[in-house]
């Protein structure tokens, strides 16, 4: 059984489900590459929100480590 993956920028996820969040994300966050196991077309809004939240946390953590 092959698993189809799709790599997208976080910006694509934000634009599709939560475009109103766009001003609150910096360009580095928006350019983050996200690998989706089943692709963008079947991603659910609650999963999209979780991905956005995790990406923000990851960028904040890496910022503090420098």
C-alpha atoms as a PDB file:
ATOM      1  CA  UNK A   1       0.000   0.000   0.000  1.00  0.00           C
ATOM      2  CA  UNK A   2       1.594   3.243  -1.174  1.00  0.00           C
ATOM      3  CA  UNK A   3       1.055   6.373   0.850  1.00  0.00           C
ATOM      4  CA  UNK A   4       0.613   9.473  -1.275  1.00  0.00           C
ATOM      5  CA  UNK A   5       2.303  12.563   0.118  1.00  0.00           C
ATOM      6  CA  UNK A   6       2.241  16.171  -0.973  1.00  0.00           C
ATOM      7  CA  UNK A   7       4.644  18.897   0.066  1.00  0.00           C
ATOM      8  CA  UNK A   8       3.154  22.374   0.361  1.00  0.00           C
ATOM      9  CA  UNK A   9       4.091  25.680   1.918  1.00  0.00           C
ATOM     10  CA  UNK A  10       2.325  26.597   5.136  1.00  0.00           C
ATOM     11  CA  UNK A  11       1.068  29.656   3.249  1.00  0.00           C
ATOM     12  CA  UNK A  12      -1.033  27.394   0.992  1.00  0.00           C
ATOM     13  CA  UNK A  13      -2.707  25.824   4.029  1.00  0.00           C
ATOM     14  CA  UNK A  14      -3.351  29.222   5.626  1.00  0.00           C
ATOM     15  CA  UNK A  15      -4.768  30.677   2.398  1.00  0.00           C
ATOM     16  CA  UNK A  16      -7.126  27.737   1.895  1.00  0.00           C
ATOM     17  CA  UNK A  17      -8.664  27.549   5.379  1.00  0.00           C
ATOM     18  CA  UNK A  18      -7.671  30.561   7.484  1.00  0.00           C
ATOM     19  CA  UNK A  19      -6.712  33.504   5.226  1.00  0.00           C
ATOM     20  CA  UNK A  20      -7.557  35.928   8.040  1.00  0.00           C
ATOM     21  CA  UNK A  21      -4.512  34.552   9.931  1.00  0.00           C
ATOM     22  CA  UNK A  22      -2.117  35.599   7.164  1.00  0.00           C
ATOM     23  CA  UNK A  23      -1.116  38.959   8.737  1.00  0.00           C
ATOM     24  CA  UNK A  24      -0.148  37.205  11.979  1.00  0.00           C
ATOM     25  CA  UNK A  25       2.447  34.918  10.402  1.00  0.00           C
ATOM     26  CA  UNK A  26       5.889  36.006   9.300  1.00  0.00           C
ATOM     27  CA  UNK A  27       7.383  35.117   5.939  1.00  0.00           C
ATOM     28  CA  UNK A  28       9.660  32.445   7.385  1.00  0.00           C
ATOM     29  CA  UNK A  29       6.646  30.676   8.898  1.00  0.00           C
ATOM     30  CA  UNK A  30       4.646  31.020   5.687  1.00  0.00           C
ATOM     31  CA  UNK A  31       7.511  29.551   3.654  1.00  0.00           C
ATOM     32  CA  UNK A  32       7.751  26.479   5.901  1.00  0.00           C
ATOM     33  CA  UNK A  33       7.475  23.283   3.908  1.00  0.00           C
ATOM     34  CA  UNK A  34       4.797  20.922   5.210  1.00  0.00           C
ATOM     35  CA  UNK A  35       4.536  17.291   4.123  1.00  0.00           C
ATOM     36  CA  UNK A  36       0.932  16.123   4.042  1.00  0.00           C
ATOM     37  CA  UNK A  37       0.404  12.385   4.163  1.00  0.00           C
ATOM     38  CA  UNK A  38      -2.782  12.408   2.093  1.00  0.00           C
ATOM     39  CA  UNK A  39      -2.447  15.705   0.278  1.00  0.00           C
ATOM     40  CA  UNK A  40      -3.951  19.164   0.519  1.00  0.00           C
ATOM     41  CA  UNK A  41      -7.311  18.317  -1.038  1.00  0.00           C
ATOM     42  CA  UNK A  42      -8.533  16.104   1.820  1.00  0.00           C
ATOM     43  CA  UNK A  43      -6.961  18.044   4.688  1.00  0.00           C
ATOM     44  CA  UNK A  44      -9.637  18.910   7.247  1.00  0.00           C
ATOM     45  CA  UNK A  45      -9.885  22.449   8.721  1.00  0.00           C
ATOM     46  CA  UNK A  46      -9.146  21.247  12.264  1.00  0.00           C
ATOM     47  CA  UNK A  47      -6.016  19.449  11.015  1.00  0.00           C
ATOM     48  CA  UNK A  48      -4.994  22.561   9.088  1.00  0.00           C
ATOM     49  CA  UNK A  49      -5.322  24.653  12.241  1.00  0.00           C
ATOM     50  CA  UNK A  50      -3.202  22.170  14.202  1.00  0.00           C
ATOM     51  CA  UNK A  51      -0.482  22.286  11.536  1.00  0.00           C
ATOM     52  CA  UNK A  52      -0.477  26.103  11.635  1.00  0.00           C
ATOM     53  CA  UNK A  53      -0.257  26.130  15.437  1.00  0.00           C
ATOM     54  CA  UNK A  54       2.559  23.580  15.513  1.00  0.00           C
ATOM     55  CA  UNK A  55       4.498  25.472  12.867  1.00  0.00           C
ATOM     56  CA  UNK A  56       4.246  28.724  14.840  1.00  0.00           C
ATOM     57  CA  UNK A  57       5.432  26.944  18.009  1.00  0.00           C
ATOM     58  CA  UNK A  58       8.325  25.336  16.147  1.00  0.00           C
ATOM     59  CA  UNK A  59       9.489  28.681  14.770  1.00  0.00           C
ATOM     60  CA  UNK A  60       9.205  30.340  18.167  1.00  0.00           C
ATOM     61  CA  UNK A  61      11.223  27.542  19.775  1.00  0.00           C
ATOM     62  CA  UNK A  62      13.953  27.688  17.136  1.00  0.00           C
ATOM     63  CA  UNK A  63      14.082  31.467  17.556  1.00  0.00           C
ATOM     64  CA  UNK A  64      14.745  31.128  21.279  1.00  0.00           C
ATOM     65  CA  UNK A  65      17.459  28.526  20.700  1.00  0.00           C
ATOM     66  CA  UNK A  66      19.607  30.901  18.642  1.00  0.00           C
END
